[in-house]
Amino acid sequence: MRSVFFRFALPWAMTVACAVATAAPLQMYEIAPGVYVHQGAHQDFDDANYDGDIANIGFVVGKQAVAVIDTGGSFDIGSALAQAVAKTTELPIRYVINTHVHPDHILGNAAFADDNVQFVGHAQLAAVMYESQDTYLREAPARADGGKNSLVLPTFKVSEPQRLDLGGRTLLLQSWGPAHSTTDLTVLDEQTETLWTGDLLFTERTPSVDGDVKGWIQAIQTIQQKPVARLVPGHGPSPKDQAAAWDAQRRYLLTLQSDIAQGIDKGQDMSEVMQHAAAQEKDKWQLFDVINPRNVNVLFPKMEWQ
C-alpha cells in the first residue's frame, strides 16, 4: 500500500480514553471462538471517501487478556476498533500486533497507546517506520484524520518464532524475510488454527507489491505446507478454498514478473510495459487499474538492473 500521513507523537494514555469514549465500534465478525475480524473496504488511498478502513483488522480474546492484530489506516479507525474490543470484553488489551509496516495496518496504533500495552512487530519494523517518516510526510493527504494520525513504534520485536500468552490461549508469531514487504509477520491462533497472514495474502483485491516477489512466492510455499483451519488475509474475505487463494495470488505475481521481464528484454520502457503487464489478470482482481501500474512502477526499475 502507498504510504499515508502520520506525525511522530508520544502515546499518551489519555488518547485511549478519548478514543473509546467518542468512537462508534467497528462491525466485527466472530469467525472462530474468540477470534474477531473486521473486513476493510476495497478502496484506494486516492478515493475521495477514503477514511483508512481498507485493511482487515481485529482481535483475539484469551482468558486473561486480548491481542489486537493490526489497527487500521487512521486514528479514528483504531479508535472504533478499540471501542469494539470494549464492547466485546472487559479483559485488558495486552498486545497490539502489527503484521507489517504499511500505514493502512498501523496508523490506528495510537488509539491503543497505554503503559500496559506492548506493541509487537517484525524485528525490522521499528527501523522501517522511523526511516520512512520523511517520505510519509511528503505524501501527506488531507483526509483520514491526518491531524490525529500518529506513529507508534513496536516495543516487542520478533525475529524468531515467538509465542504470546493471553491466558489459556497462545499466539504463534513468525517473522519473514522480504516478501510483500520487508517487515511481514504472521500470527497463528493455536487454539482455533486461525492464521492472520497480513498482506502475505490478498483475496479479491489486486496484490500490492513493495518487497521482493521471489521471497513472497517462497513464503507462500512455506505457509501452504502447514495447513490451518482458516485464513485471515490482509485484504478481502477469508477464502473457503485456501489452496485456490494462494494459487491465484502466486499466478498473478509470476505473470506480472514474467511480463515485465519480457518487456525489458524487448527494450520497452516502463510506460509501455504498464500497458500489457499481467493484462490477462485484469478481470480477476478488484482495483487492478490502480494497483497493477503501481506494481510495475515498483518492480520495473529493480528488474531492469538485474
C-alpha atoms as a PDB file:
ATOM      1  CA  MET A   1       0.000   0.000   0.000  1.00  0.00           C
ATOM      2  CA  ARG A   2       1.147   3.506  -0.675  1.00  0.00           C
ATOM      3  CA  SER A   3       2.003   5.431   2.429  1.00  0.00           C
ATOM      4  CA  VAL A   4      -0.255   7.997   4.065  1.00  0.00           C
ATOM      5  CA  PHE A   5       0.391  10.802   6.511  1.00  0.00           C
ATOM      6  CA  PHE A   6       1.442  10.415  10.102  1.00  0.00           C
ATOM      7  CA  ARG A   7       3.217  12.520  12.670  1.00  0.00           C
ATOM      8  CA  PHE A   8       5.631  11.151  15.247  1.00  0.00           C
ATOM      9  CA  ALA A   9       3.972  11.515  18.639  1.00  0.00           C
ATOM     10  CA  LEU A  10       4.158  10.271  22.203  1.00  0.00           C
ATOM     11  CA  PRO A  11       1.444   7.707  23.012  1.00  0.00           C
ATOM     12  CA  TRP A  12      -0.360   9.358  25.953  1.00  0.00           C
ATOM     13  CA  ALA A  13      -2.783   7.159  27.862  1.00  0.00           C
ATOM     14  CA  MET A  14      -5.359   9.979  27.590  1.00  0.00           C
ATOM     15  CA  THR A  15      -5.559   9.249  23.869  1.00  0.00           C
ATOM     16  CA  VAL A  16      -7.083   5.839  24.566  1.00  0.00           C
ATOM     17  CA  ALA A  17      -9.689   7.203  26.946  1.00  0.00           C
ATOM     18  CA  CYS A  18     -10.853   9.808  24.442  1.00  0.00           C
ATOM     19  CA  ALA A  19     -10.900   7.295  21.588  1.00  0.00           C
ATOM     20  CA  VAL A  20     -13.032   4.754  23.416  1.00  0.00           C
ATOM     21  CA  ALA A  21     -15.425   7.429  24.660  1.00  0.00           C
ATOM     22  CA  THR A  22     -16.133   9.005  21.275  1.00  0.00           C
ATOM     23  CA  ALA A  23     -15.782   6.322  18.601  1.00  0.00           C
ATOM     24  CA  ALA A  24     -18.609   4.106  17.364  1.00  0.00           C
ATOM     25  CA  PRO A  25     -17.468   0.475  17.416  1.00  0.00           C
ATOM     26  CA  LEU A  26     -16.469  -1.197  14.174  1.00  0.00           C
ATOM     27  CA  GLN A  27     -18.627  -4.047  12.946  1.00  0.00           C
ATOM     28  CA  MET A  28     -16.866  -7.276  13.883  1.00  0.00           C
ATOM     29  CA  TYR A  29     -17.447 -10.922  12.926  1.00  0.00           C
ATOM     30  CA  GLU A  30     -16.535 -13.792  15.227  1.00  0.00           C
ATOM     31  CA  ILE A  31     -15.084 -16.193  12.662  1.00  0.00           C
ATOM     32  CA  ALA A  32     -13.948 -18.693  15.327  1.00  0.00           C
ATOM     33  CA  PRO A  33     -14.425 -18.774  19.112  1.00  0.00           C
ATOM     34  CA  GLY A  34     -12.767 -15.641  20.478  1.00  0.00           C
ATOM     35  CA  VAL A  35     -11.461 -14.511  17.073  1.00  0.00           C
ATOM     36  CA  TYR A  36     -12.990 -11.277  15.787  1.00  0.00           C
ATOM     37  CA  VAL A  37     -12.373  -9.741  12.344  1.00  0.00           C
ATOM     38  CA  HIS A  38     -13.401  -6.515  10.643  1.00  0.00           C
ATOM     39  CA  GLN A  39     -13.061  -6.651   6.849  1.00  0.00           C
ATOM     40  CA  GLY A  40     -11.855  -3.448   5.223  1.00  0.00           C
ATOM     41  CA  ALA A  41     -13.422  -1.973   2.113  1.00  0.00           C
ATOM     42  CA  HIS A  42     -11.928  -2.305  -1.353  1.00  0.00           C
ATOM     43  CA  GLN A  43     -10.977   1.356  -1.663  1.00  0.00           C
ATOM     44  CA  ASP A  44      -7.809   3.122  -2.690  1.00  0.00           C
ATOM     45  CA  PHE A  45      -5.922   5.916  -0.951  1.00  0.00           C
ATOM     46  CA  ASP A  46      -6.849   8.225  -3.812  1.00  0.00           C
ATOM     47  CA  ASP A  47     -10.581   7.673  -3.333  1.00  0.00           C
ATOM     48  CA  ALA A  48     -12.317  10.845  -2.199  1.00  0.00           C
ATOM     49  CA  ASN A  49     -14.112   8.967   0.591  1.00  0.00           C
ATOM     50  CA  TYR A  50     -11.046   7.134   1.885  1.00  0.00           C
ATOM     51  CA  ASP A  51     -11.157   7.016   5.683  1.00  0.00           C
ATOM     52  CA  GLY A  52      -8.438   4.483   6.449  1.00  0.00           C
ATOM     53  CA  ASP A  53     -10.787   1.499   6.629  1.00  0.00           C
ATOM     54  CA  ILE A  54      -9.378  -0.766   3.912  1.00  0.00           C
ATOM     55  CA  ALA A  55      -7.383  -3.446   5.763  1.00  0.00           C
ATOM     56  CA  ASN A  56      -8.611  -6.483   7.659  1.00  0.00           C
ATOM     57  CA  ILE A  57      -8.100  -5.879  11.371  1.00  0.00           C
ATOM     58  CA  GLY A  58      -9.329  -7.487  14.570  1.00  0.00           C
ATOM     59  CA  PHE A  59      -8.531  -9.120  17.876  1.00  0.00           C
ATOM     60  CA  VAL A  60      -8.240 -12.414  19.773  1.00  0.00           C
ATOM     61  CA  VAL A  61      -9.641 -12.872  23.274  1.00  0.00           C
ATOM     62  CA  GLY A  62      -7.963 -15.158  25.803  1.00  0.00           C
ATOM     63  CA  LYS A  63      -8.941 -15.924  29.403  1.00  0.00           C
ATOM     64  CA  GLN A  64      -6.800 -13.118  30.804  1.00  0.00           C
ATOM     65  CA  ALA A  65      -6.138 -10.627  28.022  1.00  0.00           C
ATOM     66  CA  VAL A  66      -6.721  -9.500  24.447  1.00  0.00           C
ATOM     67  CA  ALA A  67      -4.368  -9.175  21.481  1.00  0.00           C
ATOM     68  CA  VAL A  68      -5.281  -6.700  18.741  1.00  0.00           C
ATOM     69  CA  ILE A  69      -3.988  -7.605  15.276  1.00  0.00           C
ATOM     70  CA  ASP A  70      -3.480  -4.556  13.049  1.00  0.00           C
ATOM     71  CA  THR A  71      -5.237  -1.292  13.836  1.00  0.00           C
ATOM     72  CA  GLY A  72      -6.306   0.226  10.510  1.00  0.00           C
ATOM     73  CA  GLY A  73      -5.289   3.183   8.403  1.00  0.00           C
ATOM     74  CA  SER A  74      -6.216   6.066  10.674  1.00  0.00           C
ATOM     75  CA  PHE A  75      -6.521   7.095  14.296  1.00  0.00           C
ATOM     76  CA  ASP A  76     -10.324   7.100  14.018  1.00  0.00           C
ATOM     77  CA  ILE A  77     -10.425   3.530  12.674  1.00  0.00           C
ATOM     78  CA  GLY A  78      -8.161   2.430  15.538  1.00  0.00           C
ATOM     79  CA  SER A  79     -10.494   4.186  17.978  1.00  0.00           C
ATOM     80  CA  ALA A  80     -13.502   2.380  16.526  1.00  0.00           C
ATOM     81  CA  LEU A  81     -11.645  -0.922  16.865  1.00  0.00           C
ATOM     82  CA  ALA A  82     -10.802  -0.119  20.489  1.00  0.00           C
ATOM     83  CA  GLN A  83     -14.492   0.501  21.106  1.00  0.00           C
ATOM     84  CA  ALA A  84     -15.347  -2.855  19.513  1.00  0.00           C
ATOM     85  CA  VAL A  85     -12.957  -4.584  21.922  1.00  0.00           C
ATOM     86  CA  ALA A  86     -14.523  -2.784  24.881  1.00  0.00           C
ATOM     87  CA  LYS A  87     -17.993  -3.790  23.681  1.00  0.00           C
ATOM     88  CA  THR A  88     -16.936  -7.448  23.424  1.00  0.00           C
ATOM     89  CA  THR A  89     -14.950  -7.999  26.617  1.00  0.00           C
ATOM     90  CA  GLU A  90     -13.828  -6.293  29.805  1.00  0.00           C
ATOM     91  CA  LEU A  91     -10.441  -8.007  29.622  1.00  0.00           C
ATOM     92  CA  PRO A  92      -7.436  -5.704  29.124  1.00  0.00           C
ATOM     93  CA  ILE A  93      -5.591  -5.342  25.850  1.00  0.00           C
ATOM     94  CA  ARG A  94      -2.100  -6.722  26.459  1.00  0.00           C
ATOM     95  CA  TYR A  95      -0.681  -6.685  22.925  1.00  0.00           C
ATOM     96  CA  VAL A  96      -1.130  -4.738  19.695  1.00  0.00           C
ATOM     97  CA  ILE A  97       0.455  -6.720  16.861  1.00  0.00           C
ATOM     98  CA  ASN A  98       1.325  -5.135  13.500  1.00  0.00           C
ATOM     99  CA  THR A  99       1.646  -7.589  10.625  1.00  0.00           C
ATOM    100  CA  HIS A 100       3.811  -5.181   8.589  1.00  0.00           C
ATOM    101  CA  VAL A 101       4.715  -1.542   8.059  1.00  0.00           C
ATOM    102  CA  HIS A 102       2.087  -0.314   5.618  1.00  0.00           C
ATOM    103  CA  PRO A 103       0.030   2.552   7.011  1.00  0.00           C
ATOM    104  CA  ASP A 104      -3.388   1.038   6.324  1.00  0.00           C
ATOM    105  CA  HIS A 105      -2.454  -1.520   9.003  1.00  0.00           C
ATOM    106  CA  ILE A 106      -0.636   0.596  11.607  1.00  0.00           C
ATOM    107  CA  LEU A 107      -1.946   4.163  11.764  1.00  0.00           C
ATOM    108  CA  GLY A 108      -4.604   3.189  14.294  1.00  0.00           C
ATOM    109  CA  ASN A 109      -1.928   2.215  16.826  1.00  0.00           C
ATOM    110  CA  ALA A 110      -2.135   5.479  18.759  1.00  0.00           C
ATOM    111  CA  ALA A 111      -5.702   4.687  19.808  1.00  0.00           C
ATOM    112  CA  PHE A 112      -4.291   1.825  21.911  1.00  0.00           C
ATOM    113  CA  ALA A 113      -1.243   3.582  23.354  1.00  0.00           C
ATOM    114  CA  ASP A 114      -1.019   2.823  27.065  1.00  0.00           C
ATOM    115  CA  ASP A 115       1.700   1.852  29.534  1.00  0.00           C
ATOM    116  CA  ASN A 116       0.167  -1.613  29.876  1.00  0.00           C
ATOM    117  CA  VAL A 117       0.051  -2.361  26.142  1.00  0.00           C
ATOM    118  CA  GLN A 118       3.009  -3.844  24.282  1.00  0.00           C
ATOM    119  CA  PHE A 119       3.300  -3.068  20.580  1.00  0.00           C
ATOM    120  CA  VAL A 120       4.589  -6.084  18.678  1.00  0.00           C
ATOM    121  CA  GLY A 121       6.139  -6.342  15.228  1.00  0.00           C
ATOM    122  CA  HIS A 122       8.823  -7.761  12.975  1.00  0.00           C
ATOM    123  CA  ALA A 123      12.370  -7.135  14.155  1.00  0.00           C
ATOM    124  CA  GLN A 124      12.829  -4.614  11.311  1.00  0.00           C
ATOM    125  CA  LEU A 125       9.508  -2.838  11.757  1.00  0.00           C
ATOM    126  CA  ALA A 126      10.625  -0.042  14.093  1.00  0.00           C
ATOM    127  CA  ALA A 127      13.564   0.885  11.868  1.00  0.00           C
ATOM    128  CA  VAL A 128      11.468   0.903   8.695  1.00  0.00           C
ATOM    129  CA  MET A 129       8.775   3.020  10.365  1.00  0.00           C
ATOM    130  CA  TYR A 130      11.344   5.513  11.578  1.00  0.00           C
ATOM    131  CA  GLU A 131      13.240   5.682   8.297  1.00  0.00           C
ATOM    132  CA  SER A 132      10.017   6.274   6.338  1.00  0.00           C
ATOM    133  CA  GLN A 133       8.957   9.394   8.239  1.00  0.00           C
ATOM    134  CA  ASP A 134      10.116  11.962   5.671  1.00  0.00           C
ATOM    135  CA  THR A 135       8.525  10.051   2.782  1.00  0.00           C
ATOM    136  CA  TYR A 136       5.230   9.722   4.592  1.00  0.00           C
ATOM    137  CA  LEU A 137       5.189  13.391   5.490  1.00  0.00           C
ATOM    138  CA  ARG A 138       5.832  14.433   1.891  1.00  0.00           C
ATOM    139  CA  GLU A 139       2.849  12.357   0.753  1.00  0.00           C
ATOM    140  CA  ALA A 140       0.503  13.621   3.484  1.00  0.00           C
ATOM    141  CA  PRO A 141      -3.085  13.663   2.173  1.00  0.00           C
ATOM    142  CA  ALA A 142      -5.701  15.936   3.702  1.00  0.00           C
ATOM    143  CA  ARG A 143      -8.028  13.107   4.728  1.00  0.00           C
ATOM    144  CA  ALA A 144      -8.297  10.128   7.070  1.00  0.00           C
ATOM    145  CA  ASP A 145      -7.889  12.355  10.170  1.00  0.00           C
ATOM    146  CA  GLY A 146      -4.356  13.337   9.190  1.00  0.00           C
ATOM    147  CA  GLY A 147      -4.184  15.753  12.105  1.00  0.00           C
ATOM    148  CA  LYS A 148      -4.539  12.937  14.629  1.00  0.00           C
ATOM    149  CA  ASN A 149      -2.604  10.090  12.981  1.00  0.00           C
ATOM    150  CA  SER A 150       0.492   9.173  14.968  1.00  0.00           C
ATOM    151  CA  LEU A 151       3.353   6.759  14.546  1.00  0.00           C
ATOM    152  CA  VAL A 152       3.725   4.295  17.435  1.00  0.00           C
ATOM    153  CA  LEU A 153       6.771   2.054  17.119  1.00  0.00           C
ATOM    154  CA  PRO A 154       6.857  -1.560  18.340  1.00  0.00           C
ATOM    155  CA  THR A 155       8.416  -2.236  21.737  1.00  0.00           C
ATOM    156  CA  PHE A 156       8.374  -6.028  21.305  1.00  0.00           C
ATOM    157  CA  LYS A 157      10.426  -7.164  18.303  1.00  0.00           C
ATOM    158  CA  VAL A 158      10.059 -10.592  16.701  1.00  0.00           C
ATOM    159  CA  SER A 159      12.942 -12.205  14.812  1.00  0.00           C
ATOM    160  CA  GLU A 160      12.482 -15.885  15.732  1.00  0.00           C
ATOM    161  CA  PRO A 161       9.176 -17.746  16.229  1.00  0.00           C
ATOM    162  CA  GLN A 162       7.639 -16.497  19.448  1.00  0.00           C
ATOM    163  CA  ARG A 163       4.504 -17.241  21.458  1.00  0.00           C
ATOM    164  CA  LEU A 164       2.331 -14.724  23.269  1.00  0.00           C
ATOM    165  CA  ASP A 165       0.141 -15.940  26.135  1.00  0.00           C
ATOM    166  CA  LEU A 166      -3.350 -14.474  26.505  1.00  0.00           C
ATOM    167  CA  GLY A 167      -4.282 -16.854  29.302  1.00  0.00           C
ATOM    168  CA  GLY A 168      -5.190 -20.361  28.168  1.00  0.00           C
ATOM    169  CA  ARG A 169      -4.565 -19.239  24.606  1.00  0.00           C
ATOM    170  CA  THR A 170      -1.312 -18.727  22.714  1.00  0.00           C
ATOM    171  CA  LEU A 171      -0.493 -16.847  19.549  1.00  0.00           C
ATOM    172  CA  LEU A 172       2.465 -18.067  17.493  1.00  0.00           C
ATOM    173  CA  LEU A 173       4.290 -15.224  15.735  1.00  0.00           C
ATOM    174  CA  GLN A 174       6.504 -15.837  12.701  1.00  0.00           C
ATOM    175  CA  SER A 175       8.618 -13.170  11.007  1.00  0.00           C
ATOM    176  CA  TRP A 176       9.504 -13.474   7.324  1.00  0.00           C
ATOM    177  CA  GLY A 177      12.279 -12.289   5.065  1.00  0.00           C
ATOM    178  CA  PRO A 178      11.486  -9.725   2.349  1.00  0.00           C
ATOM    179  CA  ALA A 179       8.205 -10.757   0.731  1.00  0.00           C
ATOM    180  CA  HIS A 180       5.155  -8.499   0.413  1.00  0.00           C
ATOM    181  CA  SER A 181       7.220  -6.035   2.455  1.00  0.00           C
ATOM    182  CA  THR A 182      10.449  -6.243   4.430  1.00  0.00           C
ATOM    183  CA  THR A 183       8.525  -6.466   7.720  1.00  0.00           C
ATOM    184  CA  ASP A 184       5.976  -9.274   7.287  1.00  0.00           C
ATOM    185  CA  LEU A 185       4.720 -11.093  10.373  1.00  0.00           C
ATOM    186  CA  THR A 186       2.094 -13.850  10.591  1.00  0.00           C
ATOM    187  CA  VAL A 187       0.007 -14.626  13.662  1.00  0.00           C
ATOM    188  CA  LEU A 188      -1.407 -18.089  14.345  1.00  0.00           C
ATOM    189  CA  ASP A 189      -4.084 -18.549  16.996  1.00  0.00           C
ATOM    190  CA  GLU A 190      -3.134 -22.071  18.005  1.00  0.00           C
ATOM    191  CA  GLN A 191      -6.458 -22.785  19.728  1.00  0.00           C
ATOM    192  CA  THR A 192      -8.587 -22.366  16.602  1.00  0.00           C
ATOM    193  CA  GLU A 193      -5.835 -22.785  13.979  1.00  0.00           C
ATOM    194  CA  THR A 194      -6.647 -19.376  12.543  1.00  0.00           C
ATOM    195  CA  LEU A 195      -3.745 -17.766  10.673  1.00  0.00           C
ATOM    196  CA  TRP A 196      -3.596 -13.989  10.235  1.00  0.00           C
ATOM    197  CA  THR A 197      -1.444 -13.583   7.144  1.00  0.00           C
ATOM    198  CA  GLY A 198      -1.251  -9.809   6.933  1.00  0.00           C
ATOM    199  CA  ASP A 199      -0.619  -8.803   3.330  1.00  0.00           C
ATOM    200  CA  LEU A 200       1.148 -12.033   2.514  1.00  0.00           C
ATOM    201  CA  LEU A 201      -2.312 -12.946   1.202  1.00  0.00           C
ATOM    202  CA  PHE A 202      -4.800 -10.824  -0.731  1.00  0.00           C
ATOM    203  CA  THR A 203      -8.203 -12.096  -1.834  1.00  0.00           C
ATOM    204  CA  GLU A 204     -10.317 -10.236  -4.417  1.00  0.00           C
ATOM    205  CA  ARG A 205      -8.146  -7.099  -4.201  1.00  0.00           C
ATOM    206  CA  THR A 206      -5.109  -6.870  -6.503  1.00  0.00           C
ATOM    207  CA  PRO A 207      -1.958  -7.818  -4.539  1.00  0.00           C
ATOM    208  CA  SER A 208       0.241  -4.801  -3.844  1.00  0.00           C
ATOM    209  CA  VAL A 209       3.994  -5.247  -4.305  1.00  0.00           C
ATOM    210  CA  ASP A 210       6.529  -3.486  -2.110  1.00  0.00           C
ATOM    211  CA  GLY A 211       9.147  -6.029  -1.051  1.00  0.00           C
ATOM    212  CA  ASP A 212      10.534  -8.984  -3.014  1.00  0.00           C
ATOM    213  CA  VAL A 213       8.364 -11.105  -5.309  1.00  0.00           C
ATOM    214  CA  LYS A 214      10.628 -14.163  -5.182  1.00  0.00           C
ATOM    215  CA  GLY A 215      10.674 -14.022  -1.400  1.00  0.00           C
ATOM    216  CA  TRP A 216       6.898 -13.609  -1.394  1.00  0.00           C
ATOM    217  CA  ILE A 217       6.391 -16.708  -3.510  1.00  0.00           C
ATOM    218  CA  GLN A 218       8.731 -18.672  -1.242  1.00  0.00           C
ATOM    219  CA  ALA A 219       6.747 -17.533   1.800  1.00  0.00           C
ATOM    220  CA  ILE A 220       3.530 -18.690   0.136  1.00  0.00           C
ATOM    221  CA  GLN A 221       5.028 -22.128  -0.474  1.00  0.00           C
ATOM    222  CA  THR A 222       6.186 -22.415   3.136  1.00  0.00           C
ATOM    223  CA  ILE A 223       2.827 -21.375   4.578  1.00  0.00           C
ATOM    224  CA  GLN A 224       0.930 -23.775   2.331  1.00  0.00           C
ATOM    225  CA  GLN A 225       2.969 -26.685   3.711  1.00  0.00           C
ATOM    226  CA  LYS A 226       1.382 -26.117   7.138  1.00  0.00           C
ATOM    227  CA  PRO A 227      -2.399 -26.300   6.660  1.00  0.00           C
ATOM    228  CA  VAL A 228      -4.616 -24.332   9.050  1.00  0.00           C
ATOM    229  CA  ALA A 229      -8.351 -24.265   9.693  1.00  0.00           C
ATOM    230  CA  ARG A 230      -8.853 -20.747   8.334  1.00  0.00           C
ATOM    231  CA  LEU A 231      -7.000 -17.744   6.975  1.00  0.00           C
ATOM    232  CA  VAL A 232      -7.461 -14.048   7.677  1.00  0.00           C
ATOM    233  CA  PRO A 233      -5.914 -12.245   4.689  1.00  0.00           C
ATOM    234  CA  GLY A 234      -4.682  -8.681   4.835  1.00  0.00           C
ATOM    235  CA  HIS A 235      -7.424  -7.664   2.396  1.00  0.00           C
ATOM    236  CA  GLY A 236     -10.549  -9.405   1.216  1.00  0.00           C
ATOM    237  CA  PRO A 237     -12.675 -12.214   2.647  1.00  0.00           C
ATOM    238  CA  SER A 238     -11.305 -15.352   4.250  1.00  0.00           C
ATOM    239  CA  PRO A 239     -11.114 -17.907   1.441  1.00  0.00           C
ATOM    240  CA  LYS A 240     -13.212 -21.050   1.501  1.00  0.00           C
ATOM    241  CA  ASP A 241     -10.625 -22.731  -0.717  1.00  0.00           C
ATOM    242  CA  GLN A 242      -7.237 -21.853   0.735  1.00  0.00           C
ATOM    243  CA  ALA A 243      -5.182 -23.542  -1.963  1.00  0.00           C
ATOM    244  CA  ALA A 244      -7.078 -21.704  -4.708  1.00  0.00           C
ATOM    245  CA  ALA A 245      -6.497 -18.362  -2.972  1.00  0.00           C
ATOM    246  CA  TRP A 246      -2.763 -18.892  -2.630  1.00  0.00           C
ATOM    247  CA  ASP A 247      -2.541 -20.220  -6.197  1.00  0.00           C
ATOM    248  CA  ALA A 248      -4.382 -17.184  -7.595  1.00  0.00           C
ATOM    249  CA  GLN A 249      -2.007 -14.795  -5.890  1.00  0.00           C
ATOM    250  CA  ARG A 250       1.061 -16.769  -6.972  1.00  0.00           C
ATOM    251  CA  ARG A 251      -0.238 -16.820 -10.551  1.00  0.00           C
ATOM    252  CA  TYR A 252      -0.657 -13.043 -10.555  1.00  0.00           C
ATOM    253  CA  LEU A 253       2.819 -12.421  -9.131  1.00  0.00           C
ATOM    254  CA  LEU A 254       4.510 -14.821 -11.555  1.00  0.00           C
ATOM    255  CA  THR A 255       2.599 -13.383 -14.523  1.00  0.00           C
ATOM    256  CA  LEU A 256       3.465  -9.830 -13.535  1.00  0.00           C
ATOM    257  CA  GLN A 257       7.126 -10.701 -13.103  1.00  0.00           C
ATOM    258  CA  SER A 258       7.289 -12.607 -16.401  1.00  0.00           C
ATOM    259  CA  ASP A 259       5.573  -9.886 -18.423  1.00  0.00           C
ATOM    260  CA  ILE A 260       7.856  -7.192 -17.039  1.00  0.00           C
ATOM    261  CA  ALA A 261      10.916  -9.307 -17.832  1.00  0.00           C
ATOM    262  CA  GLN A 262       9.707  -9.861 -21.401  1.00  0.00           C
ATOM    263  CA  GLY A 263       9.092  -6.154 -21.868  1.00  0.00           C
ATOM    264  CA  ILE A 264      12.575  -5.308 -20.638  1.00  0.00           C
ATOM    265  CA  ASP A 265      14.078  -7.909 -22.997  1.00  0.00           C
ATOM    266  CA  LYS A 266      12.242  -6.234 -25.895  1.00  0.00           C
ATOM    267  CA  GLY A 267      13.645  -2.836 -24.943  1.00  0.00           C
ATOM    268  CA  GLN A 268      10.321  -1.392 -23.826  1.00  0.00           C
ATOM    269  CA  ASP A 269      10.239   1.446 -21.328  1.00  0.00           C
ATOM    270  CA  MET A 270       8.186   1.317 -18.145  1.00  0.00           C
ATOM    271  CA  SER A 271       5.173   3.139 -19.569  1.00  0.00           C
ATOM    272  CA  GLU A 272       4.965   0.613 -22.397  1.00  0.00           C
ATOM    273  CA  VAL A 273       5.249  -2.323 -20.011  1.00  0.00           C
ATOM    274  CA  MET A 274       2.431  -0.886 -17.877  1.00  0.00           C
ATOM    275  CA  GLN A 275       0.092  -1.278 -20.844  1.00  0.00           C
ATOM    276  CA  HIS A 276       0.403  -5.054 -21.007  1.00  0.00           C
ATOM    277  CA  ALA A 277       1.966  -6.440 -17.806  1.00  0.00           C
ATOM    278  CA  ALA A 278      -0.366  -9.045 -16.256  1.00  0.00           C
ATOM    279  CA  ALA A 279      -3.192  -7.827 -18.531  1.00  0.00           C
ATOM    280  CA  GLN A 280      -4.722 -11.317 -18.558  1.00  0.00           C
ATOM    281  CA  GLU A 281      -5.276 -10.954 -14.809  1.00  0.00           C
ATOM    282  CA  LYS A 282      -7.354  -7.778 -15.057  1.00  0.00           C
ATOM    283  CA  ASP A 283     -10.794  -9.366 -14.756  1.00  0.00           C
ATOM    284  CA  LYS A 284      -9.754 -11.487 -11.788  1.00  0.00           C
ATOM    285  CA  TRP A 285      -8.936  -8.703  -9.309  1.00  0.00           C
ATOM    286  CA  GLN A 286     -10.535  -5.536  -7.957  1.00  0.00           C
ATOM    287  CA  LEU A 287      -8.727  -2.171  -8.247  1.00  0.00           C
ATOM    288  CA  PHE A 288      -6.499  -3.699 -10.925  1.00  0.00           C
ATOM    289  CA  ASP A 289      -6.231  -0.499 -12.991  1.00  0.00           C
ATOM    290  CA  VAL A 290      -4.993   1.385  -9.925  1.00  0.00           C
ATOM    291  CA  ILE A 291      -2.711  -1.122  -8.217  1.00  0.00           C
ATOM    292  CA  ASN A 292      -1.188  -3.033 -11.137  1.00  0.00           C
ATOM    293  CA  PRO A 293       0.553   0.052 -12.641  1.00  0.00           C
ATOM    294  CA  ARG A 294       1.998   0.808  -9.201  1.00  0.00           C
ATOM    295  CA  ASN A 295       3.357  -2.715  -9.034  1.00  0.00           C
ATOM    296  CA  VAL A 296       5.060  -2.242 -12.396  1.00  0.00           C
ATOM    297  CA  ASN A 297       6.470   1.051 -11.135  1.00  0.00           C
ATOM    298  CA  VAL A 298       7.999  -0.777  -8.153  1.00  0.00           C
ATOM    299  CA  LEU A 299       9.306  -3.835  -9.995  1.00  0.00           C
ATOM    300  CA  PHE A 300      10.457  -2.443 -13.342  1.00  0.00           C
ATOM    301  CA  PRO A 301      13.462  -0.444 -12.029  1.00  0.00           C
ATOM    302  CA  LYS A 302      14.612  -3.368  -9.885  1.00  0.00           C
ATOM    303  CA  MET A 303      14.329  -5.908 -12.692  1.00  0.00           C
ATOM    304  CA  GLU A 304      15.868  -3.604 -15.291  1.00  0.00           C
ATOM    305  CA  TRP A 305      19.160  -3.664 -13.387  1.00  0.00           C
ATOM    306  CA  GLN A 306      19.224  -7.358 -12.585  1.00  0.00           C
END
